[in-house]
Amino acid sequence: MPISKEEEQDMEKEAYYLDQIKHQLETMVEQREMFATAYSNVERAALSLKALTGQRPDTETLVPVGGECFVSAKVTDTGKAIIGIGADVFQQRDMDSVLEILEKRKETITTNIQNLDKAIGELDAKGQELSKRLQEKYARAQEEPVMGAE
């Protein structure tokens, strides 16, 4: 039995929706990569600060300045650090407080990654189901002419 114009339009709509799902998945994967990078940055900061904790004042260290370049510097106070608290506001706090903030950030990022992974999985499953349905419909459509098309 030939497919109707309505079925053909439905297939076009589903193909468009499948394309939208693919784009959304790409965006979500990019977001996940940004979260993973943020997690790595926070983890690296925490490890660096932990390494300084308990060191004597005027401890010499290398400070990254970007582009895989470092400068030599002396840390005058290993018990405090300056941390961004949002809206381009920074505060000097004791090292334990800074490490606690970083740990909370890691937990938040981990939760965001887990939620995103779940959403990616659900959307991917929906996309695979829709793709399978469309492939079946297209296979049937190729076997039969469209009704009303002359």
Protein backbone atom coordinates (compact mmCIF):
# COMPACT_ATOMS: atom_id res chain seq x y z
CA MET A 1 0.00 0.00 0.00
CA PRO A 2 1.47 3.39 -0.98
CA ILE A 3 2.27 5.97 1.70
CA SER A 4 0.05 9.01 1.92
CA LYS A 5 1.14 12.63 1.63
CA GLU A 6 0.37 12.96 5.35
CA GLU A 7 2.72 10.07 6.18
CA GLU A 8 5.37 11.66 3.97
CA GLN A 9 4.99 14.97 5.84
CA ASP A 10 5.19 13.15 9.16
CA MET A 11 8.43 11.53 8.04
CA GLU A 12 9.84 14.95 7.11
CA LYS A 13 8.86 16.31 10.53
CA GLU A 14 10.45 13.34 12.27
CA ALA A 15 13.62 13.75 10.21
CA TYR A 16 13.75 17.40 11.23
CA TYR A 17 13.19 16.44 14.88
CA LEU A 18 15.96 13.83 14.64
CA ASP A 19 18.30 16.48 13.26
CA GLN A 20 17.40 18.74 16.20
CA ILE A 21 18.14 15.90 18.64
CA LYS A 22 21.57 15.40 17.03
CA HIS A 23 22.37 19.12 17.36
CA GLN A 24 21.20 19.16 20.96
CA LEU A 25 23.34 16.11 21.73
CA GLU A 26 26.38 17.83 20.22
CA THR A 27 25.75 20.89 22.37
CA MET A 28 25.34 18.75 25.49
CA VAL A 29 28.57 16.87 24.78
CA GLU A 30 30.37 20.22 24.40
CA GLN A 31 28.88 21.35 27.73
CA ARG A 32 30.09 18.14 29.34
CA GLU A 33 33.59 18.76 28.01
CA MET A 34 33.51 22.27 29.50
CA PHE A 35 32.46 20.84 32.87
CA ALA A 36 35.26 18.26 32.67
CA THR A 37 37.77 21.03 31.93
CA ALA A 38 36.43 23.11 34.81
CA TYR A 39 36.73 20.10 37.12
CA SER A 40 40.35 19.57 36.05
CA ASN A 41 41.14 23.23 36.68
CA VAL A 42 39.60 23.16 40.16
CA GLU A 43 41.34 19.87 40.97
CA ARG A 44 44.69 21.26 39.80
CA ALA A 45 44.20 24.41 41.91
CA ALA A 46 43.35 22.32 44.99
CA LEU A 47 46.39 20.10 44.52
CA SER A 48 48.67 23.12 44.06
CA LEU A 49 47.32 24.81 47.18
CA LYS A 50 47.62 21.61 49.22
CA ALA A 51 51.26 21.36 48.14
CA LEU A 52 51.87 24.88 49.48
CA THR A 53 50.06 24.30 52.78
CA GLY A 54 52.54 23.98 55.60
CA GLN A 55 55.47 25.26 53.55
CA ARG A 56 57.54 28.00 55.12
CA PRO A 57 56.98 31.59 54.01
CA ASP A 58 59.11 32.71 51.06
CA THR A 59 58.84 29.27 49.51
CA GLU A 60 59.92 29.51 45.89
CA THR A 61 57.55 28.09 43.29
CA LEU A 62 56.69 28.27 39.61
CA VAL A 63 53.57 30.23 38.72
CA PRO A 64 51.82 29.44 35.41
CA VAL A 65 51.18 32.54 33.31
CA GLY A 66 49.57 30.78 30.32
CA GLY A 67 50.79 29.34 27.06
CA GLU A 68 52.76 26.69 28.97
CA CYS A 69 54.97 29.44 30.44
CA PHE A 70 55.93 29.84 34.09
CA VAL A 71 57.66 32.45 36.20
CA SER A 72 59.57 31.87 39.38
CA ALA A 73 57.97 33.48 42.45
CA LYS A 74 58.15 33.43 46.24
CA VAL A 75 54.97 32.75 48.19
CA THR A 76 54.98 35.14 51.13
CA ASP A 77 52.03 33.58 53.00
CA THR A 78 51.32 29.88 52.53
CA GLY A 79 48.36 29.98 54.91
CA LYS A 80 46.14 32.20 52.75
CA ALA A 81 44.97 32.42 49.17
CA ILE A 82 42.77 34.67 47.08
CA ILE A 83 39.73 33.02 45.48
CA GLY A 84 37.03 34.23 43.14
CA ILE A 85 33.62 34.10 44.78
CA GLY A 86 31.59 35.20 41.75
CA ALA A 87 30.77 38.32 39.74
CA ASP A 88 34.49 39.13 39.40
CA VAL A 89 34.76 39.46 43.19
CA PHE A 90 37.80 37.95 44.89
CA GLN A 91 38.51 37.44 48.58
CA GLN A 92 41.55 36.52 50.57
CA ARG A 93 40.80 33.59 52.84
CA ASP A 94 42.66 31.08 54.93
CA MET A 95 43.84 28.02 53.02
CA ASP A 96 41.35 25.61 54.66
CA SER A 97 38.45 27.84 53.63
CA VAL A 98 39.72 28.07 50.06
CA LEU A 99 40.20 24.30 49.85
CA GLU A 100 36.67 23.80 51.19
CA ILE A 101 35.26 26.11 48.52
CA LEU A 102 37.19 24.23 45.83
CA GLU A 103 35.90 20.91 47.14
CA LYS A 104 32.30 22.20 46.98
CA ARG A 105 32.91 23.38 43.41
CA LYS A 106 34.18 19.92 42.47
CA GLU A 107 31.05 18.36 43.99
CA THR A 108 28.80 20.78 42.08
CA ILE A 109 30.63 20.12 38.82
CA THR A 110 30.44 16.36 39.41
CA THR A 111 26.68 16.60 39.98
CA ASN A 112 26.30 18.68 36.82
CA ILE A 113 28.30 16.12 34.82
CA GLN A 114 26.19 13.26 36.19
CA ASN A 115 22.95 15.09 35.36
CA LEU A 116 24.23 15.90 31.89
CA ASP A 117 25.33 12.30 31.32
CA LYS A 118 21.84 11.12 32.27
CA ALA A 119 20.19 13.66 29.96
CA ILE A 120 22.57 12.74 27.13
CA GLY A 121 21.75 9.06 27.58
CA GLU A 122 18.00 9.69 27.56
CA LEU A 123 18.14 11.97 24.53
CA ASP A 124 20.45 9.58 22.69
CA ALA A 125 18.03 6.70 23.33
CA LYS A 126 15.15 8.82 22.04
CA GLY A 127 17.19 9.72 18.96
CA GLN A 128 18.11 6.10 18.29
CA GLU A 129 14.47 5.03 18.57
CA LEU A 130 13.36 7.79 16.23
CA SER A 131 16.15 6.97 13.78
CA LYS A 132 15.13 3.31 13.74
CA ARG A 133 11.48 4.23 13.13
CA LEU A 134 12.44 6.60 10.34
CA GLN A 135 14.67 4.05 8.66
CA GLU A 136 11.77 1.58 8.65
CA LYS A 137 9.39 4.19 7.22
CA TYR A 138 11.88 5.25 4.55
CA ALA A 139 12.45 1.63 3.58
CA ARG A 140 8.69 1.15 3.13
CA ALA A 141 8.39 4.45 1.25
CA GLN A 142 11.07 3.44 -1.23
CA GLU A 143 9.19 0.25 -1.98
CA GLU A 144 5.91 2.02 -2.70
CA PRO A 145 4.96 5.18 -4.62
CA VAL A 146 3.46 8.14 -2.79
CA MET A 147 -0.33 8.34 -3.10
CA GLY A 148 -1.46 11.44 -4.91
CA ALA A 149 1.89 11.98 -6.62
CA GLU A 150 1.58 11.78 -10.38
